[in-house]
């Protein structure tokens, strides 16, 4: 009876020290973390520093008036 309790206690201790995530998935998590971080950084860089991107009305960049004038002249 005593040996069974010792083995049961050893099994419980061993189960509690192992992580819940398999070791084989660690490279996948690292790769996905790098992909998400780089995607976020490149998206921020594109939205913050692109001068030709129109996120709001900017009449200096708009060519709509030129296109409408050409269509009216035809």
PDB file of N, CA and C in Angstrom:
ATOM      1  N   UNK A   1       0.819  -1.191   0.000  1.00  0.00           N
ATOM      2  CA  UNK A   1       0.000   0.000   0.000  1.00  0.00           C
ATOM      3  C   UNK A   1       0.868   1.261   0.000  1.00  0.00           C
ATOM      4  N   UNK A   2       1.939   1.222   0.748  1.00  0.00           N
ATOM      5  CA  UNK A   2       2.810   2.388   0.840  1.00  0.00           C
ATOM      6  C   UNK A   2       3.537   2.655  -0.482  1.00  0.00           C
ATOM      7  N   UNK A   3       3.912   1.598  -1.194  1.00  0.00           N
ATOM      8  CA  UNK A   3       4.599   1.776  -2.479  1.00  0.00           C
ATOM      9  C   UNK A   3       3.677   2.413  -3.501  1.00  0.00           C
ATOM     10  N   UNK A   4       2.418   2.079  -3.469  1.00  0.00           N
ATOM     11  CA  UNK A   4       1.466   2.667  -4.415  1.00  0.00           C
ATOM     12  C   UNK A   4       1.316   4.161  -4.168  1.00  0.00           C
ATOM     13  N   UNK A   5       1.308   4.563  -2.899  1.00  0.00           N
ATOM     14  CA  UNK A   5       1.203   5.985  -2.591  1.00  0.00           C
ATOM     15  C   UNK A   5       2.449   6.742  -3.041  1.00  0.00           C
ATOM     16  N   UNK A   6       3.607   6.137  -2.889  1.00  0.00           N
ATOM     17  CA  UNK A   6       4.843   6.776  -3.323  1.00  0.00           C
ATOM     18  C   UNK A   6       4.846   6.962  -4.847  1.00  0.00           C
ATOM     19  N   UNK A   7       4.427   5.934  -5.555  1.00  0.00           N
ATOM     20  CA  UNK A   7       4.366   6.043  -7.018  1.00  0.00           C
ATOM     21  C   UNK A   7       3.323   7.068  -7.460  1.00  0.00           C
ATOM     22  N   UNK A   8       2.187   7.117  -6.783  1.00  0.00           N
ATOM     23  CA  UNK A   8       1.145   8.078  -7.119  1.00  0.00           C
ATOM     24  C   UNK A   8       1.629   9.502  -6.876  1.00  0.00           C
ATOM     25  N   UNK A   9       2.311   9.707  -5.752  1.00  0.00           N
ATOM     26  CA  UNK A   9       2.851  11.044  -5.458  1.00  0.00           C
ATOM     27  C   UNK A   9       3.919  11.441  -6.464  1.00  0.00           C
ATOM     28  N   UNK A  10       4.749  10.501  -6.883  1.00  0.00           N
ATOM     29  CA  UNK A  10       5.781  10.794  -7.876  1.00  0.00           C
ATOM     30  C   UNK A  10       5.152  11.154  -9.216  1.00  0.00           C
ATOM     31  N   UNK A  11       4.094  10.478  -9.577  1.00  0.00           N
ATOM     32  CA  UNK A  11       3.418  10.773 -10.841  1.00  0.00           C
ATOM     33  C   UNK A  11       2.767  12.148 -10.798  1.00  0.00           C
ATOM     34  N   UNK A  12       2.191  12.510  -9.662  1.00  0.00           N
ATOM     35  CA  UNK A  12       1.568  13.828  -9.537  1.00  0.00           C
ATOM     36  C   UNK A  12       2.616  14.939  -9.628  1.00  0.00           C
ATOM     37  N   UNK A  13       3.756  14.747  -8.993  1.00  0.00           N
ATOM     38  CA  UNK A  13       4.812  15.762  -9.039  1.00  0.00           C
ATOM     39  C   UNK A  13       5.355  15.922 -10.453  1.00  0.00           C
ATOM     40  N   UNK A  14       5.513  14.816 -11.145  1.00  0.00           N
ATOM     41  CA  UNK A  14       6.039  14.874 -12.503  1.00  0.00           C
ATOM     42  C   UNK A  14       5.048  15.557 -13.446  1.00  0.00           C
ATOM     43  N   UNK A  15       3.777  15.309 -13.281  1.00  0.00           N
ATOM     44  CA  UNK A  15       2.767  15.913 -14.146  1.00  0.00           C
ATOM     45  C   UNK A  15       2.664  17.411 -13.913  1.00  0.00           C
ATOM     46  N   UNK A  16       2.881  17.861 -12.702  1.00  0.00           N
ATOM     47  CA  UNK A  16       2.738  19.287 -12.414  1.00  0.00           C
ATOM     48  C   UNK A  16       3.945  20.095 -12.892  1.00  0.00           C
ATOM     49  N   UNK A  17       5.102  19.458 -13.064  1.00  0.00           N
ATOM     50  CA  UNK A  17       6.283  20.209 -13.482  1.00  0.00           C
ATOM     51  C   UNK A  17       6.401  20.321 -14.991  1.00  0.00           C
ATOM     52  N   UNK A  18       5.678  19.510 -15.755  1.00  0.00           N
ATOM     53  CA  UNK A  18       5.767  19.595 -17.210  1.00  0.00           C
ATOM     54  C   UNK A  18       4.892  20.743 -17.699  1.00  0.00           C
ATOM     55  N   UNK A  19       5.349  21.489 -18.691  1.00  0.00           N
ATOM     56  CA  UNK A  19       4.542  22.603 -19.196  1.00  0.00           C
ATOM     57  C   UNK A  19       3.328  22.088 -19.965  1.00  0.00           C
ATOM     58  N   UNK A  20       2.334  22.943 -20.101  1.00  0.00           N
ATOM     59  CA  UNK A  20       1.127  22.572 -20.809  1.00  0.00           C
ATOM     60  C   UNK A  20       1.285  22.638 -22.317  1.00  0.00           C
ATOM     61  N   UNK A  21       2.342  23.291 -22.800  1.00  0.00           N
ATOM     62  CA  UNK A  21       2.558  23.447 -24.234  1.00  0.00           C
ATOM     63  C   UNK A  21       3.663  22.479 -24.660  1.00  0.00           C
ATOM     64  N   UNK A  22       3.421  21.674 -25.689  1.00  0.00           N
ATOM     65  CA  UNK A  22       4.474  20.760 -26.153  1.00  0.00           C
ATOM     66  C   UNK A  22       5.694  21.535 -26.662  1.00  0.00           C
ATOM     67  N   UNK A  23       6.837  20.983 -26.456  1.00  0.00           N
ATOM     68  CA  UNK A  23       8.089  21.630 -26.840  1.00  0.00           C
ATOM     69  C   UNK A  23       8.185  21.799 -28.357  1.00  0.00           C
ATOM     70  N   UNK A  24       7.548  20.925 -29.107  1.00  0.00           N
ATOM     71  CA  UNK A  24       7.622  20.993 -30.568  1.00  0.00           C
ATOM     72  C   UNK A  24       6.927  22.230 -31.126  1.00  0.00           C
ATOM     73  N   UNK A  25       6.014  22.843 -30.360  1.00  0.00           N
ATOM     74  CA  UNK A  25       5.285  24.011 -30.840  1.00  0.00           C
ATOM     75  C   UNK A  25       6.017  25.326 -30.583  1.00  0.00           C
ATOM     76  N   UNK A  26       7.093  25.304 -29.847  1.00  0.00           N
ATOM     77  CA  UNK A  26       7.829  26.531 -29.536  1.00  0.00           C
ATOM     78  C   UNK A  26       8.325  27.250 -30.794  1.00  0.00           C
ATOM     79  N   UNK A  27       8.932  26.588 -31.774  1.00  0.00           N
ATOM     80  CA  UNK A  27       9.342  27.315 -32.985  1.00  0.00           C
ATOM     81  C   UNK A  27       8.163  27.922 -33.748  1.00  0.00           C
ATOM     82  N   UNK A  28       7.022  27.242 -33.721  1.00  0.00           N
ATOM     83  CA  UNK A  28       5.837  27.783 -34.386  1.00  0.00           C
ATOM     84  C   UNK A  28       5.378  29.066 -33.708  1.00  0.00           C
ATOM     85  N   UNK A  29       5.367  29.079 -32.387  1.00  0.00           N
ATOM     86  CA  UNK A  29       4.970  30.284 -31.661  1.00  0.00           C
ATOM     87  C   UNK A  29       5.953  31.424 -31.895  1.00  0.00           C
ATOM     88  N   UNK A  30       7.226  31.116 -31.964  1.00  0.00           N
ATOM     89  CA  UNK A  30       8.233  32.147 -32.223  1.00  0.00           C
ATOM     90  C   UNK A  30       8.052  32.722 -33.627  1.00  0.00           C
ATOM     91  N   UNK A  31       7.849  31.848 -34.602  1.00  0.00           N
ATOM     92  CA  UNK A  31       7.664  32.307 -35.985  1.00  0.00           C
ATOM     93  C   UNK A  31       6.392  33.145 -36.122  1.00  0.00           C
ATOM     94  N   UNK A  32       5.326  32.721 -35.470  1.00  0.00           N
ATOM     95  CA  UNK A  32       4.078  33.485 -35.547  1.00  0.00           C
ATOM     96  C   UNK A  32       4.221  34.834 -34.836  1.00  0.00           C
ATOM     97  N   UNK A  33       4.955  34.873 -33.743  1.00  0.00           N
ATOM     98  CA  UNK A  33       5.192  36.133 -33.052  1.00  0.00           C
ATOM     99  C   UNK A  33       5.977  37.109 -33.908  1.00  0.00           C
ATOM    100  N   UNK A  34       7.003  36.601 -34.585  1.00  0.00           N
ATOM    101  CA  UNK A  34       7.794  37.454 -35.480  1.00  0.00           C
ATOM    102  C   UNK A  34       6.925  37.952 -36.638  1.00  0.00           C
ATOM    103  N   UNK A  35       6.088  37.085 -37.193  1.00  0.00           N
ATOM    104  CA  UNK A  35       5.234  37.478 -38.313  1.00  0.00           C
ATOM    105  C   UNK A  35       4.225  38.543 -37.895  1.00  0.00           C
ATOM    106  N   UNK A  36       3.612  38.390 -36.742  1.00  0.00           N
ATOM    107  CA  UNK A  36       2.630  39.374 -36.272  1.00  0.00           C
ATOM    108  C   UNK A  36       3.301  40.702 -35.959  1.00  0.00           C
ATOM    109  N   UNK A  37       4.448  40.656 -35.305  1.00  0.00           N
ATOM    110  CA  UNK A  37       5.160  41.895 -34.978  1.00  0.00           C
ATOM    111  C   UNK A  37       5.629  42.630 -36.232  1.00  0.00           C
ATOM    112  N   UNK A  38       6.183  41.903 -37.193  1.00  0.00           N
ATOM    113  CA  UNK A  38       6.656  42.575 -38.409  1.00  0.00           C
ATOM    114  C   UNK A  38       5.481  43.087 -39.236  1.00  0.00           C
ATOM    115  N   UNK A  39       4.387  42.363 -39.282  1.00  0.00           N
ATOM    116  CA  UNK A  39       3.203  42.850 -39.994  1.00  0.00           C
ATOM    117  C   UNK A  39       2.649  44.116 -39.369  1.00  0.00           C
ATOM    118  N   UNK A  40       2.627  44.158 -38.049  1.00  0.00           N
ATOM    119  CA  UNK A  40       2.163  45.362 -37.353  1.00  0.00           C
ATOM    120  C   UNK A  40       3.100  46.531 -37.613  1.00  0.00           C
ATOM    121  N   UNK A  41       4.390  46.275 -37.561  1.00  0.00           N
ATOM    122  CA  UNK A  41       5.358  47.357 -37.771  1.00  0.00           C
ATOM    123  C   UNK A  41       5.288  47.898 -39.199  1.00  0.00           C
ATOM    124  N   UNK A  42       5.223  47.009 -40.207  1.00  0.00           N
ATOM    125  CA  UNK A  42       5.159  47.471 -41.587  1.00  0.00           C
ATOM    126  C   UNK A  42       3.847  48.197 -41.883  1.00  0.00           C
ATOM    127  N   UNK A  43       2.752  47.750 -41.288  1.00  0.00           N
ATOM    128  CA  UNK A  43       1.474  48.442 -41.484  1.00  0.00           C
ATOM    129  C   UNK A  43       1.528  49.828 -40.868  1.00  0.00           C
ATOM    130  N   UNK A  44       2.041  49.941 -39.666  1.00  0.00           N
ATOM    131  CA  UNK A  44       2.187  51.254 -39.037  1.00  0.00           C
ATOM    132  C   UNK A  44       3.080  52.162 -39.882  1.00  0.00           C
ATOM    133  N   UNK A  45       4.199  51.618 -40.335  1.00  0.00           N
ATOM    134  CA  UNK A  45       5.136  52.423 -41.126  1.00  0.00           C
ATOM    135  C   UNK A  45       4.480  52.913 -42.417  1.00  0.00           C
ATOM    136  N   UNK A  46       3.701  52.036 -43.046  1.00  0.00           N
ATOM    137  CA  UNK A  46       3.040  52.420 -44.291  1.00  0.00           C
ATOM    138  C   UNK A  46       1.977  53.493 -44.030  1.00  0.00           C
ATOM    139  N   UNK A  47       1.183  53.319 -42.999  1.00  0.00           N
ATOM    140  CA  UNK A  47       0.121  54.279 -42.727  1.00  0.00           C
ATOM    141  C   UNK A  47       0.655  55.602 -42.193  1.00  0.00           C
ATOM    142  N   UNK A  48       1.739  55.584 -41.468  1.00  0.00           N
ATOM    143  CA  UNK A  48       2.239  56.804 -40.846  1.00  0.00           C
ATOM    144  C   UNK A  48       3.128  57.634 -41.771  1.00  0.00           C
ATOM    145  N   UNK A  49       3.838  56.990 -42.703  1.00  0.00           N
ATOM    146  CA  UNK A  49       4.855  57.717 -43.463  1.00  0.00           C
ATOM    147  C   UNK A  49       4.610  57.781 -44.967  1.00  0.00           C
ATOM    148  N   UNK A  50       3.548  57.195 -45.461  1.00  0.00           N
ATOM    149  CA  UNK A  50       3.283  57.231 -46.895  1.00  0.00           C
ATOM    150  C   UNK A  50       2.595  58.541 -47.248  1.00  0.00           C
ATOM    151  N   UNK A  51       3.245  59.343 -48.067  1.00  0.00           N
ATOM    152  CA  UNK A  51       2.711  60.664 -48.409  1.00  0.00           C
ATOM    153  C   UNK A  51       1.616  60.595 -49.467  1.00  0.00           C
ATOM    154  N   UNK A  52       1.577  59.529 -50.260  1.00  0.00           N
ATOM    155  CA  UNK A  52       0.568  59.445 -51.317  1.00  0.00           C
ATOM    156  C   UNK A  52      -0.701  58.736 -50.867  1.00  0.00           C
ATOM    157  N   UNK A  53      -0.695  58.166 -49.680  1.00  0.00           N
ATOM    158  CA  UNK A  53      -1.860  57.468 -49.162  1.00  0.00           C
ATOM    159  C   UNK A  53      -2.883  58.483 -48.676  1.00  0.00           C
ATOM    160  N   UNK A  54      -4.107  58.356 -49.136  1.00  0.00           N
ATOM    161  CA  UNK A  54      -5.146  59.315 -48.766  1.00  0.00           C
ATOM    162  C   UNK A  54      -6.041  58.709 -47.701  1.00  0.00           C
ATOM    163  N   UNK A  55      -5.838  59.081 -46.464  1.00  0.00           N
ATOM    164  CA  UNK A  55      -6.689  58.647 -45.373  1.00  0.00           C
ATOM    165  C   UNK A  55      -7.764  59.684 -45.067  1.00  0.00           C
ATOM    166  N   UNK A  56      -7.617  60.874 -45.614  1.00  0.00           N
ATOM    167  CA  UNK A  56      -8.594  61.944 -45.436  1.00  0.00           C
ATOM    168  C   UNK A  56      -8.596  62.771 -46.711  1.00  0.00           C
ATOM    169  N   UNK A  57      -9.545  63.673 -46.830  1.00  0.00           N
ATOM    170  CA  UNK A  57      -9.620  64.492 -48.043  1.00  0.00           C
ATOM    171  C   UNK A  57      -8.428  65.434 -48.119  1.00  0.00           C
ATOM    172  N   UNK A  58      -7.737  65.375 -49.234  1.00  0.00           N
ATOM    173  CA  UNK A  58      -6.579  66.227 -49.453  1.00  0.00           C
ATOM    174  C   UNK A  58      -6.666  66.757 -50.882  1.00  0.00           C
ATOM    175  N   UNK A  59      -7.092  67.975 -51.062  1.00  0.00           N
ATOM    176  CA  UNK A  59      -7.269  68.496 -52.422  1.00  0.00           C
ATOM    177  C   UNK A  59      -5.967  68.648 -53.200  1.00  0.00           C
ATOM    178  N   UNK A  60      -4.830  68.702 -52.527  1.00  0.00           N
ATOM    179  CA  UNK A  60      -3.559  68.845 -53.231  1.00  0.00           C
ATOM    180  C   UNK A  60      -3.211  67.581 -54.015  1.00  0.00           C
ATOM    181  N   UNK A  61      -3.628  66.439 -53.538  1.00  0.00           N
ATOM    182  CA  UNK A  61      -3.294  65.175 -54.181  1.00  0.00           C
ATOM    183  C   UNK A  61      -4.400  64.725 -55.140  1.00  0.00           C
ATOM    184  N   UNK A  62      -5.597  65.212 -54.936  1.00  0.00           N
ATOM    185  CA  UNK A  62      -6.745  64.737 -55.695  1.00  0.00           C
ATOM    186  C   UNK A  62      -6.639  65.112 -57.173  1.00  0.00           C
ATOM    187  N   UNK A  63      -6.862  64.142 -58.042  1.00  0.00           N
ATOM    188  CA  UNK A  63      -6.886  64.367 -59.484  1.00  0.00           C
ATOM    189  C   UNK A  63      -8.309  64.258 -60.018  1.00  0.00           C
ATOM    190  N   UNK A  64      -9.266  64.235 -59.124  1.00  0.00           N
ATOM    191  CA  UNK A  64     -10.652  64.084 -59.523  1.00  0.00           C
ATOM    192  C   UNK A  64     -11.114  65.248 -60.391  1.00  0.00           C
ATOM    193  N   UNK A  65     -10.740  66.472 -60.043  1.00  0.00           N
ATOM    194  CA  UNK A  65     -11.151  67.638 -60.827  1.00  0.00           C
ATOM    195  C   UNK A  65     -10.593  67.563 -62.249  1.00  0.00           C
ATOM    196  N   UNK A  66      -9.354  67.118 -62.404  1.00  0.00           N
ATOM    197  CA  UNK A  66      -8.765  67.006 -63.740  1.00  0.00           C
ATOM    198  C   UNK A  66      -9.500  65.962 -64.579  1.00  0.00           C
ATOM    199  N   UNK A  67      -9.837  64.862 -63.981  1.00  0.00           N
ATOM    200  CA  UNK A  67     -10.541  63.800 -64.706  1.00  0.00           C
ATOM    201  C   UNK A  67     -11.937  64.273 -65.109  1.00  0.00           C
ATOM    202  N   UNK A  68     -12.611  64.976 -64.224  1.00  0.00           N
ATOM    203  CA  UNK A  68     -13.955  65.466 -64.542  1.00  0.00           C
ATOM    204  C   UNK A  68     -13.903  66.528 -65.653  1.00  0.00           C
ATOM    205  N   UNK A  69     -12.901  67.375 -65.652  1.00  0.00           N
ATOM    206  CA  UNK A  69     -12.765  68.376 -66.707  1.00  0.00           C
ATOM    207  C   UNK A  69     -12.511  67.705 -68.058  1.00  0.00           C
ATOM    208  N   UNK A  70     -11.680  66.676 -68.082  1.00  0.00           N
ATOM    209  CA  UNK A  70     -11.415  65.962 -69.328  1.00  0.00           C
ATOM    210  C   UNK A  70     -12.682  65.287 -69.846  1.00  0.00           C
ATOM    211  N   UNK A  71     -13.490  64.738 -68.976  1.00  0.00           N
ATOM    212  CA  UNK A  71     -14.726  64.081 -69.386  1.00  0.00           C
ATOM    213  C   UNK A  71     -15.736  65.094 -69.914  1.00  0.00           C
ATOM    214  N   UNK A  72     -15.776  66.282 -69.338  1.00  0.00           N
ATOM    215  CA  UNK A  72     -16.710  67.318 -69.785  1.00  0.00           C
ATOM    216  C   UNK A  72     -16.299  67.910 -71.126  1.00  0.00           C
ATOM    217  N   UNK A  73     -15.000  67.949 -71.405  1.00  0.00           N
ATOM    218  CA  UNK A  73     -14.518  68.507 -72.655  1.00  0.00           C
ATOM    219  C   UNK A  73     -14.796  67.590 -73.831  1.00  0.00           C
ATOM    220  N   UNK A  74     -14.925  66.311 -73.598  1.00  0.00           N
ATOM    221  CA  UNK A  74     -15.140  65.355 -74.684  1.00  0.00           C
ATOM    222  C   UNK A  74     -16.497  65.460 -75.282  1.00  0.00           C
TER     223      UNK A  74
END
